Amino acid sequence: MTGPKITVVGSFAVGLTIRAPKLPIFGETMLGSDFDMGPGGKGSNQAVAVARLGARSSLLAILGPDKLAGIATDLYASEGVDSSLVVTRSERATGVGFIILNDKGENFIVLDMGANELMDAQAVDAGEARIAESDVVMTVLEVPIPAAARAMELGRRYGAKTILNPAPARRLPEAIFASVDYLTPNESELRILLGLPADDPRSSRELARELRRRSVRNVVVTLGRGGALILNDEIDVMVPAVPVEVTDTTGAGDAFNSGFAVALAEGRDIVDAVRFGVVCGAIACTRLGVVPSLPDRAKADALYAEAMQTLWKDTT
């Protein structure tokens, strides 16, 4: 197989999704529809997504000793993800997530990360040989911070481009940023990283500049319908979103990060990589469920070409 090598140090969880007329309040019972059970977890989703986009994808993750783990192994076999670094541990169950969607496609998620919480720096070291030959190393915060930090450290050591998608967000030790080339929070995650309320009213640009002052080389803030903001030493750029009919936003962040990673691994510059990520995120919003919505390369390339001719023609 050709294509760049991307290693994801991350999470697997089975997602149980149901659609409801609105998000429930405490004590309320309501009828829903469109129940779906399928593979999820940000690390797993990103590993599948980069494989669909043509990269040689490898996932380092931990599963529990239960039937839900079979959903993961079947997925990686069918999607062409190298799962040789996916291990089973007996101490915890496979991760699960409960997702409620309202009629606007907005979501409410509760997670039990289970076996993912067993990931530590030593577990990441088991993947050192694969990381050493990778073009890009990605990680998320559905695994413990020491594991995410080790993934970034090893990626930096071996010359890979490193991407930290800080989701779900939490305060991080500033030392981790020294090994992160690209930090990709959404607007609420950006605020939480800085120890602020998720709805802090200050502008995302102002807050992204604050992160830059903490030695983050490149900050890429995903803004949903607003597109994405890029800040580094040379660039302060807004990349407009690609308008689509939104069905379900649940997988948009994973699709964005995967498109961004693949484009970087192929040698595209940061602005072009963010454009490709925005395209992938937009496509993911058009279908129900995360894995079914992750785009293949042909679809992503087609929408990218269309956006370059129309939406972004005056920004090249």
C-alpha atoms as a PDB file:
ATOM      1  CA  MET A   1       0.000   0.000   0.000  1.00  0.00           C
ATOM      2  CA  THR A   2       1.239   3.481  -0.818  1.00  0.00           C
ATOM      3  CA  GLY A   3       0.418   6.727   0.967  1.00  0.00           C
ATOM      4  CA  PRO A   4       1.869   8.419   4.031  1.00  0.00           C
ATOM      5  CA  LYS A   5       2.064   6.633   7.372  1.00  0.00           C
ATOM      6  CA  ILE A   6      -0.118   8.019  10.148  1.00  0.00           C
ATOM      7  CA  THR A   7      -0.187   6.580  13.661  1.00  0.00           C
ATOM      8  CA  VAL A   8      -3.049   7.395  16.014  1.00  0.00           C
ATOM      9  CA  VAL A   9      -2.591   6.908  19.754  1.00  0.00           C
ATOM     10  CA  GLY A  10      -6.127   6.953  21.005  1.00  0.00           C
ATOM     11  CA  SER A  11      -9.388   5.523  22.067  1.00  0.00           C
ATOM     12  CA  PHE A  12     -12.102   3.088  21.068  1.00  0.00           C
ATOM     13  CA  ALA A  13     -15.644   3.168  22.396  1.00  0.00           C
ATOM     14  CA  VAL A  14     -18.924   1.768  21.178  1.00  0.00           C
ATOM     15  CA  GLY A  15     -21.371   4.567  20.484  1.00  0.00           C
ATOM     16  CA  LEU A  16     -25.063   4.123  21.244  1.00  0.00           C
ATOM     17  CA  THR A  17     -26.967   6.888  19.467  1.00  0.00           C
ATOM     18  CA  ILE A  18     -30.630   7.873  19.606  1.00  0.00           C
ATOM     19  CA  ARG A  19     -32.478  10.805  18.099  1.00  0.00           C
ATOM     20  CA  ALA A  20     -34.896  12.786  20.304  1.00  0.00           C
ATOM     21  CA  PRO A  21     -37.154  15.810  19.656  1.00  0.00           C
ATOM     22  CA  LYS A  22     -34.957  17.832  22.013  1.00  0.00           C
ATOM     23  CA  LEU A  23     -32.233  17.275  24.562  1.00  0.00           C
ATOM     24  CA  PRO A  24     -33.825  15.993  27.797  1.00  0.00           C
ATOM     25  CA  ILE A  25     -33.873  17.756  31.129  1.00  0.00           C
ATOM     26  CA  PHE A  26     -33.376  16.061  34.498  1.00  0.00           C
ATOM     27  CA  GLY A  27     -36.032  13.445  35.265  1.00  0.00           C
ATOM     28  CA  GLU A  28     -37.630  13.624  31.819  1.00  0.00           C
ATOM     29  CA  THR A  29     -38.491  10.523  29.792  1.00  0.00           C
ATOM     30  CA  MET A  30     -39.224  10.898  26.101  1.00  0.00           C
ATOM     31  CA  LEU A  31     -39.642   8.769  23.024  1.00  0.00           C
ATOM     32  CA  GLY A  32     -36.787   8.739  20.564  1.00  0.00           C
ATOM     33  CA  SER A  33     -36.021   7.139  17.210  1.00  0.00           C
ATOM     34  CA  ASP A  34     -33.222   6.021  14.857  1.00  0.00           C
ATOM     35  CA  PHE A  35     -31.295   4.013  17.474  1.00  0.00           C
ATOM     36  CA  ASP A  36     -27.875   2.977  16.257  1.00  0.00           C
ATOM     37  CA  MET A  37     -24.998   1.084  17.861  1.00  0.00           C
ATOM     38  CA  GLY A  38     -21.600   1.222  16.267  1.00  0.00           C
ATOM     39  CA  PRO A  39     -17.886   1.864  16.631  1.00  0.00           C
ATOM     40  CA  GLY A  40     -16.637   5.160  17.987  1.00  0.00           C
ATOM     41  CA  GLY A  41     -13.981   6.762  20.134  1.00  0.00           C
ATOM     42  CA  LYS A  42     -12.021   9.666  18.739  1.00  0.00           C
ATOM     43  CA  GLY A  43      -8.797   7.762  18.200  1.00  0.00           C
ATOM     44  CA  SER A  44     -10.556   4.920  16.426  1.00  0.00           C
ATOM     45  CA  ASN A  45     -12.624   7.288  14.296  1.00  0.00           C
ATOM     46  CA  GLN A  46      -9.527   9.179  13.219  1.00  0.00           C
ATOM     47  CA  ALA A  47      -7.643   5.987  12.376  1.00  0.00           C
ATOM     48  CA  VAL A  48     -10.523   4.847  10.156  1.00  0.00           C
ATOM     49  CA  ALA A  49     -10.869   8.282   8.582  1.00  0.00           C
ATOM     50  CA  VAL A  50      -7.207   8.605   7.608  1.00  0.00           C
ATOM     51  CA  ALA A  51      -7.333   5.107   6.106  1.00  0.00           C
ATOM     52  CA  ARG A  52     -10.349   6.076   3.992  1.00  0.00           C
ATOM     53  CA  LEU A  53      -8.450   9.132   2.803  1.00  0.00           C
ATOM     54  CA  GLY A  54      -5.595   6.995   1.521  1.00  0.00           C
ATOM     55  CA  ALA A  55      -3.049   6.963   4.353  1.00  0.00           C
ATOM     56  CA  ARG A  56      -1.431   3.886   5.856  1.00  0.00           C
ATOM     57  CA  SER A  57      -3.203   4.036   9.174  1.00  0.00           C
ATOM     58  CA  SER A  58      -2.200   2.402  12.440  1.00  0.00           C
ATOM     59  CA  LEU A  59      -4.017   2.604  15.781  1.00  0.00           C
ATOM     60  CA  LEU A  60      -2.595   2.103  19.251  1.00  0.00           C
ATOM     61  CA  ALA A  61      -5.501   1.473  21.638  1.00  0.00           C
ATOM     62  CA  ILE A  62      -6.753  -0.735  24.482  1.00  0.00           C
ATOM     63  CA  LEU A  63      -9.960  -2.836  24.474  1.00  0.00           C
ATOM     64  CA  GLY A  64     -11.759  -4.752  27.197  1.00  0.00           C
ATOM     65  CA  PRO A  65     -12.341  -8.549  27.305  1.00  0.00           C
ATOM     66  CA  ASP A  66     -15.950  -8.416  26.065  1.00  0.00           C
ATOM     67  CA  LYS A  67     -18.135  -8.734  22.992  1.00  0.00           C
ATOM     68  CA  LEU A  68     -18.021  -5.000  22.284  1.00  0.00           C
ATOM     69  CA  ALA A  69     -14.311  -5.354  21.495  1.00  0.00           C
ATOM     70  CA  GLY A  70     -15.236  -7.449  18.472  1.00  0.00           C
ATOM     71  CA  ILE A  71     -16.883  -4.400  16.925  1.00  0.00           C
ATOM     72  CA  ALA A  72     -13.443  -2.759  16.903  1.00  0.00           C
ATOM     73  CA  THR A  73     -11.495  -5.656  15.447  1.00  0.00           C
ATOM     74  CA  ASP A  74     -14.095  -6.230  12.716  1.00  0.00           C
ATOM     75  CA  LEU A  75     -13.982  -2.533  11.826  1.00  0.00           C
ATOM     76  CA  TYR A  76     -10.217  -2.355  11.470  1.00  0.00           C
ATOM     77  CA  ALA A  77     -10.149  -5.473   9.308  1.00  0.00           C
ATOM     78  CA  SER A  78     -12.779  -4.050   6.966  1.00  0.00           C
ATOM     79  CA  GLU A  79     -11.293  -0.529   6.807  1.00  0.00           C
ATOM     80  CA  GLY A  80      -7.655  -1.477   6.367  1.00  0.00           C
ATOM     81  CA  VAL A  81      -6.425  -0.076   9.681  1.00  0.00           C
ATOM     82  CA  ASP A  82      -3.307  -1.747  11.094  1.00  0.00           C
ATOM     83  CA  SER A  83      -4.485  -3.002  14.492  1.00  0.00           C
ATOM     84  CA  SER A  84      -1.307  -4.815  15.525  1.00  0.00           C
ATOM     85  CA  LEU A  85      -0.911  -2.282  18.359  1.00  0.00           C
ATOM     86  CA  VAL A  86      -4.501  -2.689  19.615  1.00  0.00           C
ATOM     87  CA  VAL A  87      -4.373  -4.797  22.782  1.00  0.00           C
ATOM     88  CA  THR A  88      -6.911  -6.351  25.163  1.00  0.00           C
ATOM     89  CA  ARG A  89      -6.710  -5.870  28.925  1.00  0.00           C
ATOM     90  CA  SER A  90      -8.870  -7.691  31.457  1.00  0.00           C
ATOM     91  CA  GLU A  91      -9.118  -4.944  34.097  1.00  0.00           C
ATOM     92  CA  ARG A  92     -11.759  -2.755  32.428  1.00  0.00           C
ATOM     93  CA  ALA A  93     -14.628  -3.066  29.959  1.00  0.00           C
ATOM     94  CA  THR A  94     -14.437  -1.684  26.438  1.00  0.00           C
ATOM     95  CA  GLY A  95     -15.346   1.997  26.341  1.00  0.00           C
ATOM     96  CA  VAL A  96     -18.905   3.121  25.589  1.00  0.00           C
ATOM     97  CA  GLY A  97     -20.584   6.424  24.766  1.00  0.00           C
ATOM     98  CA  PHE A  98     -24.256   7.400  24.899  1.00  0.00           C
ATOM     99  CA  ILE A  99     -25.226  10.043  22.331  1.00  0.00           C
ATOM    100  CA  ILE A 100     -28.514  11.946  22.105  1.00  0.00           C
ATOM    101  CA  LEU A 101     -29.207  13.984  18.962  1.00  0.00           C
ATOM    102  CA  ASN A 102     -31.847  16.690  18.687  1.00  0.00           C
ATOM    103  CA  ASP A 103     -33.696  17.722  15.531  1.00  0.00           C
ATOM    104  CA  LYS A 104     -31.004  20.298  14.706  1.00  0.00           C
ATOM    105  CA  GLY A 105     -28.283  17.652  14.644  1.00  0.00           C
ATOM    106  CA  GLU A 106     -26.776  18.941  17.902  1.00  0.00           C
ATOM    107  CA  ASN A 107     -25.565  16.318  20.357  1.00  0.00           C
ATOM    108  CA  PHE A 108     -25.312  15.458  24.048  1.00  0.00           C
ATOM    109  CA  ILE A 109     -22.734  12.773  24.949  1.00  0.00           C
ATOM    110  CA  VAL A 110     -21.924  10.769  28.099  1.00  0.00           C
ATOM    111  CA  LEU A 111     -18.814   8.563  28.045  1.00  0.00           C
ATOM    112  CA  ASP A 112     -17.383   5.700  30.086  1.00  0.00           C
ATOM    113  CA  MET A 113     -13.919   5.323  28.592  1.00  0.00           C
ATOM    114  CA  GLY A 114     -13.312   1.971  30.340  1.00  0.00           C
ATOM    115  CA  ALA A 115     -10.165   0.216  29.079  1.00  0.00           C
ATOM    116  CA  ASN A 116      -8.952   3.405  27.390  1.00  0.00           C
ATOM    117  CA  GLU A 117      -8.090   4.707  30.860  1.00  0.00           C
ATOM    118  CA  LEU A 118      -5.442   1.983  31.186  1.00  0.00           C
ATOM    119  CA  MET A 119      -3.312   3.666  28.520  1.00  0.00           C
ATOM    120  CA  ASP A 120      -0.068   5.050  29.930  1.00  0.00           C
ATOM    121  CA  ALA A 121       3.362   6.073  28.668  1.00  0.00           C
ATOM    122  CA  GLN A 122       4.597   2.476  28.826  1.00  0.00           C
ATOM    123  CA  ALA A 123       1.710   1.323  26.627  1.00  0.00           C
ATOM    124  CA  VAL A 124       2.613   4.014  24.088  1.00  0.00           C
ATOM    125  CA  ASP A 125       6.254   2.895  24.130  1.00  0.00           C
ATOM    126  CA  ALA A 126       5.060  -0.454  22.738  1.00  0.00           C
ATOM    127  CA  GLY A 127       4.331   1.430  19.504  1.00  0.00           C
ATOM    128  CA  GLU A 128       7.688   3.222  19.323  1.00  0.00           C
ATOM    129  CA  ALA A 129       8.896   1.347  16.236  1.00  0.00           C
ATOM    130  CA  ARG A 130       5.741   2.265  14.315  1.00  0.00           C
ATOM    131  CA  ILE A 131       5.883   5.870  15.503  1.00  0.00           C
ATOM    132  CA  ALA A 132       9.524   6.048  14.381  1.00  0.00           C
ATOM    133  CA  GLU A 133       8.511   5.432  10.767  1.00  0.00           C
ATOM    134  CA  SER A 134       5.389   7.643  10.766  1.00  0.00           C
ATOM    135  CA  ASP A 135       4.896  10.883   8.857  1.00  0.00           C
ATOM    136  CA  VAL A 136       2.257  12.106  11.326  1.00  0.00           C
ATOM    137  CA  VAL A 137       1.446  11.055  14.902  1.00  0.00           C
ATOM    138  CA  MET A 138      -1.980  12.009  16.262  1.00  0.00           C
ATOM    139  CA  THR A 139      -3.507  11.740  19.705  1.00  0.00           C
ATOM    140  CA  VAL A 140      -6.621  12.773  21.646  1.00  0.00           C
ATOM    141  CA  LEU A 141      -7.564  13.282  25.292  1.00  0.00           C
ATOM    142  CA  GLU A 142      -9.872  10.279  25.568  1.00  0.00           C
ATOM    143  CA  VAL A 143      -6.709   8.566  26.823  1.00  0.00           C
ATOM    144  CA  PRO A 144      -4.870   9.728  29.964  1.00  0.00           C
ATOM    145  CA  ILE A 145      -2.652  12.787  29.600  1.00  0.00           C
ATOM    146  CA  PRO A 146       0.639  10.877  30.227  1.00  0.00           C
ATOM    147  CA  ALA A 147      -0.146   8.649  27.226  1.00  0.00           C
ATOM    148  CA  ALA A 148      -1.020  11.583  24.980  1.00  0.00           C
ATOM    149  CA  ALA A 149       2.129  13.405  26.097  1.00  0.00           C
ATOM    150  CA  ARG A 150       4.289  10.357  25.370  1.00  0.00           C
ATOM    151  CA  ALA A 151       2.777   9.999  21.881  1.00  0.00           C
ATOM    152  CA  MET A 152       3.683  13.597  21.101  1.00  0.00           C
ATOM    153  CA  GLU A 153       7.162  13.218  22.622  1.00  0.00           C
ATOM    154  CA  LEU A 154       7.969  10.115  20.566  1.00  0.00           C
ATOM    155  CA  GLY A 155       6.553  11.668  17.413  1.00  0.00           C
ATOM    156  CA  ARG A 156       8.780  14.706  17.893  1.00  0.00           C
ATOM    157  CA  ARG A 157      11.810  12.517  18.649  1.00  0.00           C
ATOM    158  CA  TYR A 158      11.483  10.703  15.339  1.00  0.00           C
ATOM    159  CA  GLY A 159      10.668  13.720  13.191  1.00  0.00           C
ATOM    160  CA  ALA A 160       6.964  13.106  12.634  1.00  0.00           C
ATOM    161  CA  LYS A 161       4.472  15.971  12.520  1.00  0.00           C
ATOM    162  CA  THR A 162       2.526  15.821  15.769  1.00  0.00           C
ATOM    163  CA  ILE A 163      -1.162  16.685  16.164  1.00  0.00           C
ATOM    164  CA  LEU A 164      -2.934  16.938  19.514  1.00  0.00           C
ATOM    165  CA  ASN A 165      -6.714  17.091  19.239  1.00  0.00           C
ATOM    166  CA  PRO A 166      -7.533  18.145  22.831  1.00  0.00           C
ATOM    167  CA  ALA A 167     -10.902  16.445  23.071  1.00  0.00           C
ATOM    168  CA  PRO A 168     -12.501  16.122  25.492  1.00  0.00           C
ATOM    169  CA  ALA A 169     -10.672  19.182  26.767  1.00  0.00           C
ATOM    170  CA  ARG A 170      -8.995  19.487  30.133  1.00  0.00           C
ATOM    171  CA  ARG A 171      -6.208  21.577  31.595  1.00  0.00           C
ATOM    172  CA  LEU A 172      -2.853  20.316  30.371  1.00  0.00           C
ATOM    173  CA  PRO A 173       0.646  20.641  31.787  1.00  0.00           C
ATOM    174  CA  GLU A 174       2.382  23.251  29.642  1.00  0.00           C
ATOM    175  CA  ALA A 175       5.346  20.922  29.091  1.00  0.00           C
ATOM    176  CA  ILE A 176       3.258  18.867  26.659  1.00  0.00           C
ATOM    177  CA  PHE A 177       3.087  21.745  24.179  1.00  0.00           C
ATOM    178  CA  ALA A 178       6.826  21.567  23.494  1.00  0.00           C
ATOM    179  CA  SER A 179       6.211  18.357  21.521  1.00  0.00           C
ATOM    180  CA  VAL A 180       2.992  19.452  19.766  1.00  0.00           C
ATOM    181  CA  ASP A 181       3.275  20.870  16.250  1.00  0.00           C
ATOM    182  CA  TYR A 182      -0.465  21.393  15.738  1.00  0.00           C
ATOM    183  CA  LEU A 183      -3.094  21.881  18.454  1.00  0.00           C
ATOM    184  CA  THR A 184      -6.662  21.561  17.132  1.00  0.00           C
ATOM    185  CA  PRO A 185      -9.311  22.560  19.712  1.00  0.00           C
ATOM    186  CA  ASN A 186     -12.871  23.595  18.962  1.00  0.00           C
ATOM    187  CA  GLU A 187     -14.146  26.793  20.561  1.00  0.00           C
ATOM    188  CA  SER A 188     -15.212  25.283  23.888  1.00  0.00           C
ATOM    189  CA  GLU A 189     -12.077  23.135  24.125  1.00  0.00           C
ATOM    190  CA  LEU A 190      -9.938  26.227  23.500  1.00  0.00           C
ATOM    191  CA  ARG A 191     -11.477  27.886  26.539  1.00  0.00           C
ATOM    192  CA  ILE A 192     -11.196  24.847  28.800  1.00  0.00           C
ATOM    193  CA  LEU A 193      -7.502  24.479  27.894  1.00  0.00           C
ATOM    194  CA  LEU A 194      -7.004  27.977  29.287  1.00  0.00           C
ATOM    195  CA  GLY A 195      -8.939  27.222  32.473  1.00  0.00           C
ATOM    196  CA  LEU A 196     -11.939  29.308  31.407  1.00  0.00           C
ATOM    197  CA  PRO A 197     -15.661  28.483  31.287  1.00  0.00           C
ATOM    198  CA  ALA A 198     -16.586  26.758  28.018  1.00  0.00           C
ATOM    199  CA  ASP A 199     -18.795  29.732  27.115  1.00  0.00           C
ATOM    200  CA  ASP A 200     -16.289  32.493  27.961  1.00  0.00           C
ATOM    201  CA  PRO A 201     -17.325  35.476  25.781  1.00  0.00           C
ATOM    202  CA  ARG A 202     -13.861  36.556  24.654  1.00  0.00           C
ATOM    203  CA  SER A 203     -13.042  36.022  20.978  1.00  0.00           C
ATOM    204  CA  SER A 204     -11.510  32.732  19.910  1.00  0.00           C
ATOM    205  CA  ARG A 205      -8.748  34.641  18.134  1.00  0.00           C
ATOM    206  CA  GLU A 206      -7.778  36.410  21.358  1.00  0.00           C
ATOM    207  CA  LEU A 207      -7.768  33.135  23.275  1.00  0.00           C
ATOM    208  CA  ALA A 208      -5.836  31.306  20.568  1.00  0.00           C
ATOM    209  CA  ARG A 209      -3.183  34.013  20.842  1.00  0.00           C
ATOM    210  CA  GLU A 210      -3.000  33.257  24.557  1.00  0.00           C
ATOM    211  CA  LEU A 211      -2.334  29.586  23.756  1.00  0.00           C
ATOM    212  CA  ARG A 212       0.380  30.652  21.335  1.00  0.00           C
ATOM    213  CA  ARG A 213       2.046  32.512  24.187  1.00  0.00           C
ATOM    214  CA  ARG A 214       2.275  29.145  25.943  1.00  0.00           C
ATOM    215  CA  SER A 215       4.632  27.825  23.238  1.00  0.00           C
ATOM    216  CA  VAL A 216       2.055  26.207  20.978  1.00  0.00           C
ATOM    217  CA  ARG A 217       3.554  26.409  17.471  1.00  0.00           C
ATOM    218  CA  ASN A 218       0.362  26.181  15.419  1.00  0.00           C
ATOM    219  CA  VAL A 219      -3.153  26.613  16.784  1.00  0.00           C
ATOM    220  CA  VAL A 220      -6.043  25.568  14.545  1.00  0.00           C
ATOM    221  CA  VAL A 221      -9.432  26.333  16.117  1.00  0.00           C
ATOM    222  CA  THR A 222     -12.404  24.611  14.510  1.00  0.00           C
ATOM    223  CA  LEU A 223     -15.404  26.929  14.489  1.00  0.00           C
ATOM    224  CA  GLY A 224     -18.211  24.686  13.210  1.00  0.00           C
ATOM    225  CA  ARG A 225     -20.292  26.671  10.742  1.00  0.00           C
ATOM    226  CA  GLY A 226     -17.644  29.407  10.997  1.00  0.00           C
ATOM    227  CA  GLY A 227     -14.884  27.274   9.456  1.00  0.00           C
ATOM    228  CA  ALA A 228     -11.461  27.273  11.110  1.00  0.00           C
ATOM    229  CA  LEU A 229      -8.938  29.779  12.460  1.00  0.00           C
ATOM    230  CA  ILE A 230      -5.188  29.289  11.931  1.00  0.00           C
ATOM    231  CA  LEU A 231      -2.604  31.073  14.067  1.00  0.00           C
ATOM    232  CA  ASN A 232       1.169  30.677  14.007  1.00  0.00           C
ATOM    233  CA  ASP A 233       4.233  32.934  13.740  1.00  0.00           C
ATOM    234  CA  GLU A 234       3.434  33.913  10.156  1.00  0.00           C
ATOM    235  CA  ILE A 235      -0.278  33.295   9.671  1.00  0.00           C
ATOM    236  CA  ASP A 236      -3.538  34.630  11.109  1.00  0.00           C
ATOM    237  CA  VAL A 237      -6.140  33.234   8.707  1.00  0.00           C
ATOM    238  CA  MET A 238      -9.817  32.294   8.762  1.00  0.00           C
ATOM    239  CA  VAL A 239     -10.771  29.421   6.461  1.00  0.00           C
ATOM    240  CA  PRO A 240     -14.506  29.663   5.682  1.00  0.00           C
ATOM    241  CA  ALA A 241     -16.718  26.616   6.228  1.00  0.00           C
ATOM    242  CA  VAL A 242     -18.177  24.669   3.322  1.00  0.00           C
ATOM    243  CA  PRO A 243     -21.979  24.986   3.542  1.00  0.00           C
ATOM    244  CA  VAL A 244     -23.819  21.655   3.702  1.00  0.00           C
ATOM    245  CA  GLU A 245     -27.169  20.380   4.954  1.00  0.00           C
ATOM    246  CA  VAL A 246     -26.415  19.262   8.504  1.00  0.00           C
ATOM    247  CA  THR A 247     -27.790  15.909   9.670  1.00  0.00           C
ATOM    248  CA  ASP A 248     -25.411  15.002  12.511  1.00  0.00           C
ATOM    249  CA  THR A 249     -22.335  16.920  13.707  1.00  0.00           C
ATOM    250  CA  THR A 250     -21.019  14.122  15.944  1.00  0.00           C
ATOM    251  CA  GLY A 251     -18.093  13.040  13.748  1.00  0.00           C
ATOM    252  CA  ALA A 252     -17.156  16.399  12.256  1.00  0.00           C
ATOM    253  CA  GLY A 253     -14.179  17.037  14.519  1.00  0.00           C
ATOM    254  CA  ASP A 254     -12.690  13.604  13.863  1.00  0.00           C
ATOM    255  CA  ALA A 255     -13.168  14.015  10.114  1.00  0.00           C
ATOM    256  CA  PHE A 256     -11.562  17.471  10.205  1.00  0.00           C
ATOM    257  CA  ASN A 257      -8.509  16.272  12.130  1.00  0.00           C
ATOM    258  CA  SER A 258      -8.065  13.287   9.844  1.00  0.00           C
ATOM    259  CA  GLY A 259      -8.291  15.323   6.656  1.00  0.00           C
ATOM    260  CA  PHE A 260      -5.900  17.866   8.132  1.00  0.00           C
ATOM    261  CA  ALA A 261      -3.448  15.107   9.125  1.00  0.00           C
ATOM    262  CA  VAL A 262      -3.507  13.390   5.735  1.00  0.00           C
ATOM    263  CA  ALA A 263      -2.952  16.666   3.899  1.00  0.00           C
ATOM    264  CA  LEU A 264      -0.012  17.556   6.159  1.00  0.00           C
ATOM    265  CA  ALA A 265       1.435  14.069   5.704  1.00  0.00           C
ATOM    266  CA  GLU A 266       1.248  14.565   1.945  1.00  0.00           C
ATOM    267  CA  GLY A 267       3.307  17.747   2.258  1.00  0.00           C
ATOM    268  CA  ARG A 268       0.568  20.344   1.831  1.00  0.00           C
ATOM    269  CA  ASP A 269       0.990  23.653   3.657  1.00  0.00           C
ATOM    270  CA  ILE A 270      -1.034  24.426   6.767  1.00  0.00           C
ATOM    271  CA  VAL A 271      -3.684  26.564   5.043  1.00  0.00           C
ATOM    272  CA  ASP A 272      -4.299  23.986   2.344  1.00  0.00           C
ATOM    273  CA  ALA A 273      -4.339  21.218   4.958  1.00  0.00           C
ATOM    274  CA  VAL A 274      -6.944  23.091   7.005  1.00  0.00           C
ATOM    275  CA  ARG A 275      -9.061  23.575   3.869  1.00  0.00           C
ATOM    276  CA  PHE A 276      -8.962  19.834   3.234  1.00  0.00           C
ATOM    277  CA  GLY A 277      -9.872  19.223   6.876  1.00  0.00           C
ATOM    278  CA  VAL A 278     -12.801  21.646   6.652  1.00  0.00           C
ATOM    279  CA  VAL A 279     -14.067  19.787   3.581  1.00  0.00           C
ATOM    280  CA  CYS A 280     -13.860  16.434   5.390  1.00  0.00           C
ATOM    281  CA  GLY A 281     -15.633  17.866   8.440  1.00  0.00           C
ATOM    282  CA  ALA A 282     -18.415  19.242   6.266  1.00  0.00           C
ATOM    283  CA  ILE A 283     -18.999  15.910   4.565  1.00  0.00           C
ATOM    284  CA  ALA A 284     -19.192  14.184   7.950  1.00  0.00           C
ATOM    285  CA  CYS A 285     -22.104  16.431   8.952  1.00  0.00           C
ATOM    286  CA  THR A 286     -24.309  15.198   6.115  1.00  0.00           C
ATOM    287  CA  ARG A 287     -24.962  11.637   7.362  1.00  0.00           C
ATOM    288  CA  LEU A 288     -26.197  10.101  10.608  1.00  0.00           C
ATOM    289  CA  GLY A 289     -23.553   8.321  12.662  1.00  0.00           C
ATOM    290  CA  VAL A 290     -19.814   8.828  12.829  1.00  0.00           C
ATOM    291  CA  VAL A 291     -18.148   6.013  10.890  1.00  0.00           C
ATOM    292  CA  PRO A 292     -20.769   5.987   8.101  1.00  0.00           C
ATOM    293  CA  SER A 293     -20.234   9.724   7.633  1.00  0.00           C
ATOM    294  CA  LEU A 294     -16.429   9.717   7.342  1.00  0.00           C
ATOM    295  CA  PRO A 295     -15.579  10.592   3.731  1.00  0.00           C
ATOM    296  CA  ASP A 296     -13.572   8.579   1.246  1.00  0.00           C
ATOM    297  CA  ARG A 297     -10.859  10.281  -0.773  1.00  0.00           C
ATOM    298  CA  ALA A 298     -12.856  10.691  -3.981  1.00  0.00           C
ATOM    299  CA  LYS A 299     -15.690  12.494  -2.215  1.00  0.00           C
ATOM    300  CA  ALA A 300     -13.295  14.711  -0.255  1.00  0.00           C
ATOM    301  CA  ASP A 301     -11.268  15.621  -3.333  1.00  0.00           C
ATOM    302  CA  ALA A 302     -14.415  16.470  -5.296  1.00  0.00           C
ATOM    303  CA  LEU A 303     -15.797  18.823  -2.651  1.00  0.00           C
ATOM    304  CA  TYR A 304     -12.355  20.365  -2.141  1.00  0.00           C
ATOM    305  CA  ALA A 305     -12.054  21.122  -5.854  1.00  0.00           C
ATOM    306  CA  GLU A 306     -15.547  22.639  -5.864  1.00  0.00           C
ATOM    307  CA  ALA A 307     -14.781  24.813  -2.823  1.00  0.00           C
ATOM    308  CA  MET A 308     -11.518  26.015  -4.374  1.00  0.00           C
ATOM    309  CA  GLN A 309     -13.431  27.140  -7.470  1.00  0.00           C
ATOM    310  CA  THR A 310     -16.160  28.954  -5.556  1.00  0.00           C
ATOM    311  CA  LEU A 311     -15.819  29.515  -1.822  1.00  0.00           C
ATOM    312  CA  TRP A 312     -12.042  29.991  -1.581  1.00  0.00           C
ATOM    313  CA  LYS A 313     -11.132  31.276  -5.052  1.00  0.00           C
ATOM    314  CA  ASP A 314     -10.262  34.753  -3.777  1.00  0.00           C
ATOM    315  CA  THR A 315      -8.198  33.507  -0.826  1.00  0.00           C
ATOM    316  CA  THR A 316      -5.530  31.471  -2.602  1.00  0.00           C
END
